[in-house]
Amino acid sequence: MTLADIATISGKGGLFKILKPAKSGVILESLDEAKTKLVATAHHKLSVLNEISIYTTTKEGTVALEDVLKKINQEFGNDLGLDADADNAELKSFMKAVLPEYDENRVYVSDIKKLVKWYGVLQLQAPEIFTQEESKEEDNG
């Protein structure tokens, strides 16, 4: 599995594996023990993880979520030392440690909480993401 196979839906917690297209949208399966299936339609705001980036103060202006996740994995492994319920100062400090140039005005605490939650889910459900090299030649056919 790669980040191109995983999506998030606004208003629904958690991450979803993209299974296949359907007549009215895309069939997804939750990345948790329940493995709930649902169809995301045009009414849902679906974001594929490999298309998400985090705002920075650098010239580029953003850094890919995949790069941030891999950096977290290199520096912290399985133990982040905090969870998404940590206080705001702790979460901001964590983000600063992982990505010192993150844009504090545009990256909210709620975004950092999502990052921490997603990291935990990916560690459990798709650990291969952290060991893959940039796999741009994936066959999506």
N, C-alpha and C. Protein backbone atom coordinates (compact mmCIF):
# COMPACT_ATOMS: atom_id res chain seq x y z
N MET A 1 0.84 -1.17 0.00
CA MET A 1 0.00 0.00 0.00
C MET A 1 0.90 1.25 0.00
N THR A 2 0.45 2.28 -0.71
CA THR A 2 1.17 3.56 -0.71
C THR A 2 0.20 4.65 -0.28
N LEU A 3 0.70 5.86 -0.11
CA LEU A 3 -0.18 6.97 0.27
C LEU A 3 -1.19 7.27 -0.84
N ALA A 4 -0.90 6.87 -2.07
CA ALA A 4 -1.84 7.05 -3.18
C ALA A 4 -3.05 6.13 -3.04
N ASP A 5 -2.96 5.12 -2.17
CA ASP A 5 -4.05 4.17 -1.96
C ASP A 5 -4.90 4.51 -0.75
N ILE A 6 -4.56 5.61 -0.06
CA ILE A 6 -5.22 5.95 1.19
C ILE A 6 -5.81 7.35 1.10
N ALA A 7 -7.02 7.50 1.62
CA ALA A 7 -7.70 8.80 1.55
C ALA A 7 -8.29 9.16 2.91
N THR A 8 -8.63 10.43 3.02
CA THR A 8 -9.36 10.93 4.17
C THR A 8 -10.60 11.64 3.64
N ILE A 9 -11.66 11.62 4.41
CA ILE A 9 -12.90 12.28 4.00
C ILE A 9 -13.25 13.32 5.04
N SER A 10 -13.49 14.55 4.59
CA SER A 10 -13.90 15.61 5.51
C SER A 10 -15.17 15.19 6.24
N GLY A 11 -15.16 15.41 7.55
CA GLY A 11 -16.33 15.09 8.35
C GLY A 11 -16.37 13.67 8.86
N LYS A 12 -15.49 12.81 8.36
CA LYS A 12 -15.42 11.43 8.84
C LYS A 12 -14.04 11.22 9.43
N GLY A 13 -13.98 10.70 10.62
CA GLY A 13 -12.69 10.45 11.25
C GLY A 13 -11.98 9.29 10.60
N GLY A 14 -10.68 9.27 10.74
CA GLY A 14 -9.91 8.12 10.28
C GLY A 14 -9.46 8.19 8.84
N LEU A 15 -8.82 7.11 8.43
CA LEU A 15 -8.29 6.98 7.08
C LEU A 15 -8.98 5.82 6.38
N PHE A 16 -9.00 5.88 5.05
CA PHE A 16 -9.69 4.88 4.26
C PHE A 16 -8.81 4.38 3.13
N LYS A 17 -8.83 3.08 2.91
CA LYS A 17 -8.14 2.49 1.77
C LYS A 17 -9.05 2.62 0.55
N ILE A 18 -8.49 3.07 -0.56
CA ILE A 18 -9.26 3.19 -1.79
C ILE A 18 -9.29 1.80 -2.43
N LEU A 19 -10.49 1.24 -2.57
CA LEU A 19 -10.61 -0.11 -3.13
C LEU A 19 -10.76 -0.08 -4.65
N LYS A 20 -11.81 0.61 -5.13
CA LYS A 20 -12.00 0.68 -6.59
C LYS A 20 -13.08 1.70 -6.92
N PRO A 21 -13.09 2.14 -8.17
CA PRO A 21 -14.13 3.07 -8.59
C PRO A 21 -15.49 2.37 -8.63
N ALA A 22 -16.54 3.14 -8.43
CA ALA A 22 -17.90 2.63 -8.54
C ALA A 22 -18.68 3.57 -9.46
N LYS A 23 -19.89 3.19 -9.81
CA LYS A 23 -20.69 4.04 -10.70
C LYS A 23 -20.90 5.43 -10.13
N SER A 24 -21.14 5.50 -8.85
CA SER A 24 -21.47 6.80 -8.25
C SER A 24 -20.32 7.42 -7.47
N GLY A 25 -19.15 6.82 -7.47
CA GLY A 25 -18.02 7.38 -6.72
C GLY A 25 -16.88 6.39 -6.60
N VAL A 26 -16.34 6.30 -5.38
CA VAL A 26 -15.21 5.42 -5.11
C VAL A 26 -15.54 4.57 -3.89
N ILE A 27 -15.24 3.28 -3.95
CA ILE A 27 -15.47 2.40 -2.81
C ILE A 27 -14.25 2.47 -1.90
N LEU A 28 -14.51 2.74 -0.63
CA LEU A 28 -13.46 2.87 0.38
C LEU A 28 -13.69 1.88 1.50
N GLU A 29 -12.59 1.54 2.20
CA GLU A 29 -12.68 0.67 3.37
C GLU A 29 -11.88 1.33 4.49
N SER A 30 -12.48 1.44 5.67
CA SER A 30 -11.79 2.09 6.78
C SER A 30 -10.55 1.32 7.19
N LEU A 31 -9.51 2.07 7.56
CA LEU A 31 -8.26 1.45 8.01
C LEU A 31 -8.32 1.28 9.53
N ASP A 32 -9.21 0.43 9.97
CA ASP A 32 -9.32 0.10 11.39
C ASP A 32 -9.82 -1.32 11.51
N GLU A 33 -10.07 -1.76 12.71
CA GLU A 33 -10.50 -3.13 12.91
C GLU A 33 -11.87 -3.40 12.29
N ALA A 34 -12.71 -2.38 12.23
CA ALA A 34 -14.07 -2.56 11.71
C ALA A 34 -14.09 -2.82 10.21
N LYS A 35 -13.13 -2.29 9.47
CA LYS A 35 -13.06 -2.45 8.01
C LYS A 35 -14.38 -2.08 7.34
N THR A 36 -14.99 -0.99 7.80
CA THR A 36 -16.25 -0.51 7.25
C THR A 36 -16.07 -0.06 5.81
N LYS A 37 -16.99 -0.49 4.96
CA LYS A 37 -16.93 -0.07 3.55
C LYS A 37 -17.96 1.02 3.32
N LEU A 38 -17.61 1.98 2.44
CA LEU A 38 -18.56 3.02 2.07
C LEU A 38 -18.21 3.52 0.68
N VAL A 39 -19.18 4.19 0.07
CA VAL A 39 -18.95 4.77 -1.25
C VAL A 39 -18.85 6.28 -1.08
N ALA A 40 -17.71 6.82 -1.47
CA ALA A 40 -17.53 8.27 -1.44
C ALA A 40 -18.03 8.81 -2.77
N THR A 41 -18.98 9.73 -2.70
CA THR A 41 -19.56 10.31 -3.92
C THR A 41 -19.01 11.71 -4.13
N ALA A 42 -19.53 12.37 -5.14
CA ALA A 42 -19.10 13.74 -5.45
C ALA A 42 -19.43 14.70 -4.31
N HIS A 43 -20.35 14.31 -3.44
CA HIS A 43 -20.73 15.16 -2.31
C HIS A 43 -19.70 15.15 -1.18
N HIS A 44 -18.84 14.15 -1.16
CA HIS A 44 -17.81 14.04 -0.13
C HIS A 44 -16.57 14.80 -0.56
N LYS A 45 -15.87 15.40 0.41
CA LYS A 45 -14.57 16.01 0.12
C LYS A 45 -13.51 14.97 0.45
N LEU A 46 -13.01 14.33 -0.59
CA LEU A 46 -12.05 13.24 -0.46
C LEU A 46 -10.65 13.78 -0.77
N SER A 47 -9.70 13.48 0.09
CA SER A 47 -8.30 13.87 -0.14
C SER A 47 -7.43 12.63 -0.09
N VAL A 48 -6.67 12.42 -1.16
CA VAL A 48 -5.74 11.29 -1.20
C VAL A 48 -4.46 11.74 -0.51
N LEU A 49 -3.91 10.91 0.37
CA LEU A 49 -2.79 11.33 1.21
C LEU A 49 -1.55 11.75 0.43
N ASN A 50 -1.32 11.16 -0.74
CA ASN A 50 -0.11 11.55 -1.48
C ASN A 50 -0.24 12.92 -2.12
N GLU A 51 -1.43 13.53 -2.04
CA GLU A 51 -1.64 14.87 -2.58
C GLU A 51 -1.65 15.94 -1.49
N ILE A 52 -1.48 15.53 -0.24
CA ILE A 52 -1.52 16.47 0.89
C ILE A 52 -0.11 16.94 1.20
N SER A 53 0.01 18.22 1.51
CA SER A 53 1.31 18.75 1.94
C SER A 53 1.10 19.68 3.13
N ILE A 54 2.20 20.01 3.78
CA ILE A 54 2.15 20.85 4.98
C ILE A 54 2.83 22.17 4.66
N TYR A 55 2.18 23.26 5.06
CA TYR A 55 2.73 24.59 4.79
C TYR A 55 4.04 24.81 5.55
N THR A 56 4.99 25.44 4.85
CA THR A 56 6.27 25.80 5.47
C THR A 56 6.58 27.26 5.16
N THR A 57 7.61 27.76 5.80
CA THR A 57 8.06 29.12 5.55
C THR A 57 9.21 29.15 4.55
N THR A 58 9.46 28.02 3.89
CA THR A 58 10.54 27.94 2.91
C THR A 58 10.10 28.55 1.58
N LYS A 59 11.05 28.66 0.67
CA LYS A 59 10.76 29.19 -0.66
C LYS A 59 9.70 28.34 -1.37
N GLU A 60 9.77 27.02 -1.21
CA GLU A 60 8.81 26.12 -1.85
C GLU A 60 7.41 26.32 -1.28
N GLY A 61 7.31 26.64 -0.01
CA GLY A 61 6.02 26.91 0.61
C GLY A 61 5.31 25.71 1.22
N THR A 62 5.69 24.50 0.80
CA THR A 62 5.06 23.29 1.37
C THR A 62 6.06 22.15 1.34
N VAL A 63 5.75 21.12 2.10
CA VAL A 63 6.50 19.87 2.06
C VAL A 63 5.47 18.74 2.03
N ALA A 64 5.73 17.72 1.23
CA ALA A 64 4.78 16.61 1.07
C ALA A 64 4.55 15.87 2.39
N LEU A 65 3.30 15.48 2.62
CA LEU A 65 2.95 14.71 3.82
C LEU A 65 3.81 13.46 3.91
N GLU A 66 4.05 12.79 2.80
CA GLU A 66 4.87 11.58 2.79
C GLU A 66 6.26 11.84 3.37
N ASP A 67 6.87 12.95 3.00
CA ASP A 67 8.20 13.29 3.52
C ASP A 67 8.16 13.52 5.03
N VAL A 68 7.10 14.19 5.49
CA VAL A 68 6.96 14.45 6.93
C VAL A 68 6.75 13.14 7.69
N LEU A 69 5.90 12.27 7.17
CA LEU A 69 5.66 10.98 7.82
C LEU A 69 6.94 10.15 7.93
N LYS A 70 7.71 10.15 6.86
CA LYS A 70 8.96 9.38 6.87
C LYS A 70 9.97 9.98 7.84
N LYS A 71 9.98 11.30 7.94
CA LYS A 71 10.89 11.95 8.90
C LYS A 71 10.48 11.61 10.33
N ILE A 72 9.18 11.63 10.60
CA ILE A 72 8.68 11.25 11.93
C ILE A 72 9.13 9.82 12.24
N ASN A 73 8.98 8.93 11.26
CA ASN A 73 9.36 7.54 11.45
C ASN A 73 10.85 7.39 11.73
N GLN A 74 11.67 8.13 11.01
CA GLN A 74 13.12 8.07 11.23
C GLN A 74 13.50 8.56 12.62
N GLU A 75 12.86 9.64 13.06
CA GLU A 75 13.24 10.25 14.33
C GLU A 75 12.57 9.62 15.55
N PHE A 76 11.35 9.11 15.39
CA PHE A 76 10.60 8.64 16.54
C PHE A 76 10.23 7.16 16.50
N GLY A 77 10.24 6.55 15.31
CA GLY A 77 9.85 5.15 15.21
C GLY A 77 8.42 4.93 15.67
N ASN A 78 8.21 3.95 16.54
CA ASN A 78 6.86 3.62 17.00
C ASN A 78 6.39 4.46 18.18
N ASP A 79 7.30 5.23 18.80
CA ASP A 79 6.93 5.97 20.00
C ASP A 79 7.12 7.47 19.80
N LEU A 80 6.01 8.16 19.54
CA LEU A 80 6.07 9.61 19.34
C LEU A 80 6.28 10.36 20.65
N GLY A 81 5.98 9.71 21.76
CA GLY A 81 6.10 10.37 23.05
C GLY A 81 4.89 11.25 23.38
N LEU A 82 3.89 11.24 22.50
CA LEU A 82 2.66 11.98 22.74
C LEU A 82 1.58 11.38 21.86
N ASP A 83 0.33 11.78 22.12
CA ASP A 83 -0.76 11.36 21.25
C ASP A 83 -1.56 12.58 20.86
N ALA A 84 -2.61 12.39 20.08
CA ALA A 84 -3.38 13.51 19.55
C ALA A 84 -4.10 14.29 20.65
N ASP A 85 -4.19 13.73 21.85
CA ASP A 85 -4.85 14.42 22.96
C ASP A 85 -3.88 15.24 23.81
N ALA A 86 -2.62 15.30 23.40
CA ALA A 86 -1.64 16.09 24.14
C ALA A 86 -2.03 17.57 24.09
N ASP A 87 -1.49 18.36 25.01
CA ASP A 87 -1.87 19.77 25.00
C ASP A 87 -1.23 20.49 23.80
N ASN A 88 -1.81 21.64 23.48
CA ASN A 88 -1.41 22.38 22.29
C ASN A 88 0.08 22.70 22.23
N ALA A 89 0.66 23.08 23.36
CA ALA A 89 2.08 23.44 23.39
C ALA A 89 2.94 22.22 23.04
N GLU A 90 2.55 21.06 23.57
CA GLU A 90 3.29 19.82 23.28
C GLU A 90 3.22 19.46 21.80
N LEU A 91 2.02 19.59 21.24
CA LEU A 91 1.82 19.26 19.82
C LEU A 91 2.64 20.20 18.93
N LYS A 92 2.63 21.49 19.26
CA LYS A 92 3.41 22.46 18.47
C LYS A 92 4.90 22.19 18.61
N SER A 93 5.33 21.83 19.78
CA SER A 93 6.74 21.51 20.02
C SER A 93 7.15 20.28 19.21
N PHE A 94 6.27 19.28 19.17
CA PHE A 94 6.52 18.09 18.38
C PHE A 94 6.67 18.45 16.91
N MET A 95 5.75 19.27 16.42
CA MET A 95 5.78 19.66 15.00
C MET A 95 7.06 20.43 14.69
N LYS A 96 7.47 21.29 15.60
CA LYS A 96 8.69 22.08 15.42
C LYS A 96 9.91 21.15 15.37
N ALA A 97 9.90 20.08 16.16
CA ALA A 97 11.01 19.12 16.17
C ALA A 97 11.08 18.35 14.85
N VAL A 98 9.91 18.01 14.30
CA VAL A 98 9.85 17.24 13.07
C VAL A 98 10.11 18.12 11.84
N LEU A 99 9.51 19.29 11.84
CA LEU A 99 9.57 20.18 10.69
C LEU A 99 9.76 21.61 11.19
N PRO A 100 11.01 21.98 11.51
CA PRO A 100 11.27 23.29 12.12
C PRO A 100 10.73 24.46 11.29
N GLU A 101 10.66 24.28 9.98
CA GLU A 101 10.22 25.38 9.12
C GLU A 101 8.71 25.36 8.83
N TYR A 102 7.94 24.59 9.61
CA TYR A 102 6.50 24.59 9.35
C TYR A 102 5.93 25.98 9.64
N ASP A 103 4.89 26.35 8.89
CA ASP A 103 4.29 27.68 9.01
C ASP A 103 3.29 27.68 10.16
N GLU A 104 3.68 28.29 11.26
CA GLU A 104 2.85 28.26 12.47
C GLU A 104 1.55 29.03 12.30
N ASN A 105 1.48 29.92 11.32
CA ASN A 105 0.25 30.68 11.08
C ASN A 105 -0.76 29.92 10.23
N ARG A 106 -0.30 28.94 9.48
CA ARG A 106 -1.19 28.23 8.57
C ARG A 106 -1.39 26.76 8.92
N VAL A 107 -0.55 26.22 9.79
CA VAL A 107 -0.71 24.84 10.25
C VAL A 107 -1.28 24.92 11.66
N TYR A 108 -2.53 24.50 11.78
CA TYR A 108 -3.24 24.61 13.06
C TYR A 108 -2.98 23.39 13.94
N VAL A 109 -3.28 23.55 15.22
CA VAL A 109 -3.14 22.43 16.16
C VAL A 109 -4.00 21.26 15.70
N SER A 110 -5.17 21.55 15.15
CA SER A 110 -6.04 20.46 14.66
C SER A 110 -5.35 19.67 13.54
N ASP A 111 -4.55 20.36 12.72
CA ASP A 111 -3.80 19.67 11.67
C ASP A 111 -2.72 18.76 12.27
N ILE A 112 -2.07 19.24 13.31
CA ILE A 112 -1.01 18.45 13.96
C ILE A 112 -1.64 17.22 14.63
N LYS A 113 -2.83 17.41 15.23
CA LYS A 113 -3.53 16.28 15.83
C LYS A 113 -3.84 15.23 14.78
N LYS A 114 -4.31 15.67 13.59
CA LYS A 114 -4.59 14.73 12.51
C LYS A 114 -3.33 13.99 12.10
N LEU A 115 -2.23 14.72 11.98
CA LEU A 115 -0.96 14.12 11.59
C LEU A 115 -0.56 13.02 12.58
N VAL A 116 -0.69 13.30 13.87
CA VAL A 116 -0.33 12.32 14.90
C VAL A 116 -1.26 11.10 14.82
N LYS A 117 -2.57 11.34 14.65
CA LYS A 117 -3.52 10.23 14.53
C LYS A 117 -3.22 9.39 13.29
N TRP A 118 -3.04 10.06 12.17
CA TRP A 118 -2.77 9.35 10.92
C TRP A 118 -1.49 8.53 11.02
N TYR A 119 -0.48 9.10 11.65
CA TYR A 119 0.79 8.37 11.80
C TYR A 119 0.54 7.07 12.55
N GLY A 120 -0.21 7.14 13.63
CA GLY A 120 -0.52 5.94 14.42
C GLY A 120 -1.27 4.89 13.61
N VAL A 121 -2.26 5.33 12.84
CA VAL A 121 -3.03 4.39 12.01
C VAL A 121 -2.13 3.77 10.95
N LEU A 122 -1.31 4.58 10.31
CA LEU A 122 -0.43 4.06 9.26
C LEU A 122 0.62 3.11 9.83
N GLN A 123 1.10 3.38 11.02
CA GLN A 123 2.06 2.47 11.68
C GLN A 123 1.45 1.08 11.84
N LEU A 124 0.18 1.04 12.22
CA LEU A 124 -0.50 -0.24 12.46
C LEU A 124 -0.98 -0.91 11.17
N GLN A 125 -1.58 -0.13 10.28
CA GLN A 125 -2.28 -0.71 9.14
C GLN A 125 -1.47 -0.73 7.83
N ALA A 126 -0.46 0.13 7.72
CA ALA A 126 0.30 0.21 6.47
C ALA A 126 1.77 0.57 6.74
N PRO A 127 2.46 -0.21 7.58
CA PRO A 127 3.83 0.14 7.95
C PRO A 127 4.80 0.17 6.75
N GLU A 128 4.42 -0.49 5.67
CA GLU A 128 5.29 -0.50 4.48
C GLU A 128 5.48 0.90 3.89
N ILE A 129 4.58 1.80 4.18
CA ILE A 129 4.69 3.18 3.67
C ILE A 129 5.99 3.82 4.13
N PHE A 130 6.44 3.47 5.30
CA PHE A 130 7.64 4.11 5.87
C PHE A 130 8.94 3.53 5.33
N THR A 131 8.86 2.39 4.66
CA THR A 131 10.08 1.77 4.14
C THR A 131 10.20 1.87 2.63
N GLN A 132 9.11 2.30 1.98
CA GLN A 132 9.14 2.41 0.52
C GLN A 132 9.96 3.61 0.08
N GLU A 133 10.64 3.44 -1.03
CA GLU A 133 11.27 4.59 -1.68
C GLU A 133 10.16 5.28 -2.47
N GLU A 134 10.46 6.46 -2.95
CA GLU A 134 9.48 7.20 -3.74
C GLU A 134 9.04 6.30 -4.89
N SER A 135 7.82 5.80 -4.83
CA SER A 135 7.36 4.86 -5.85
C SER A 135 6.40 5.57 -6.81
N LYS A 136 6.95 6.37 -7.70
CA LYS A 136 6.15 7.14 -8.63
C LYS A 136 5.66 6.28 -9.80
N GLU A 137 6.34 5.16 -10.06
CA GLU A 137 5.95 4.35 -11.20
C GLU A 137 4.95 3.27 -10.80
N GLU A 138 4.13 3.53 -9.81
CA GLU A 138 3.07 2.62 -9.40
C GLU A 138 2.09 2.44 -10.56
N ASP A 139 1.63 1.23 -10.75
CA ASP A 139 0.64 0.98 -11.80
C ASP A 139 -0.74 1.12 -11.18
N ASN A 140 -1.49 2.10 -11.63
CA ASN A 140 -2.83 2.34 -11.10
C ASN A 140 -3.91 1.82 -12.03
N GLY A 141 -3.56 0.98 -12.98
CA GLY A 141 -4.48 0.54 -13.99
C GLY A 141 -5.36 -0.53 -13.57
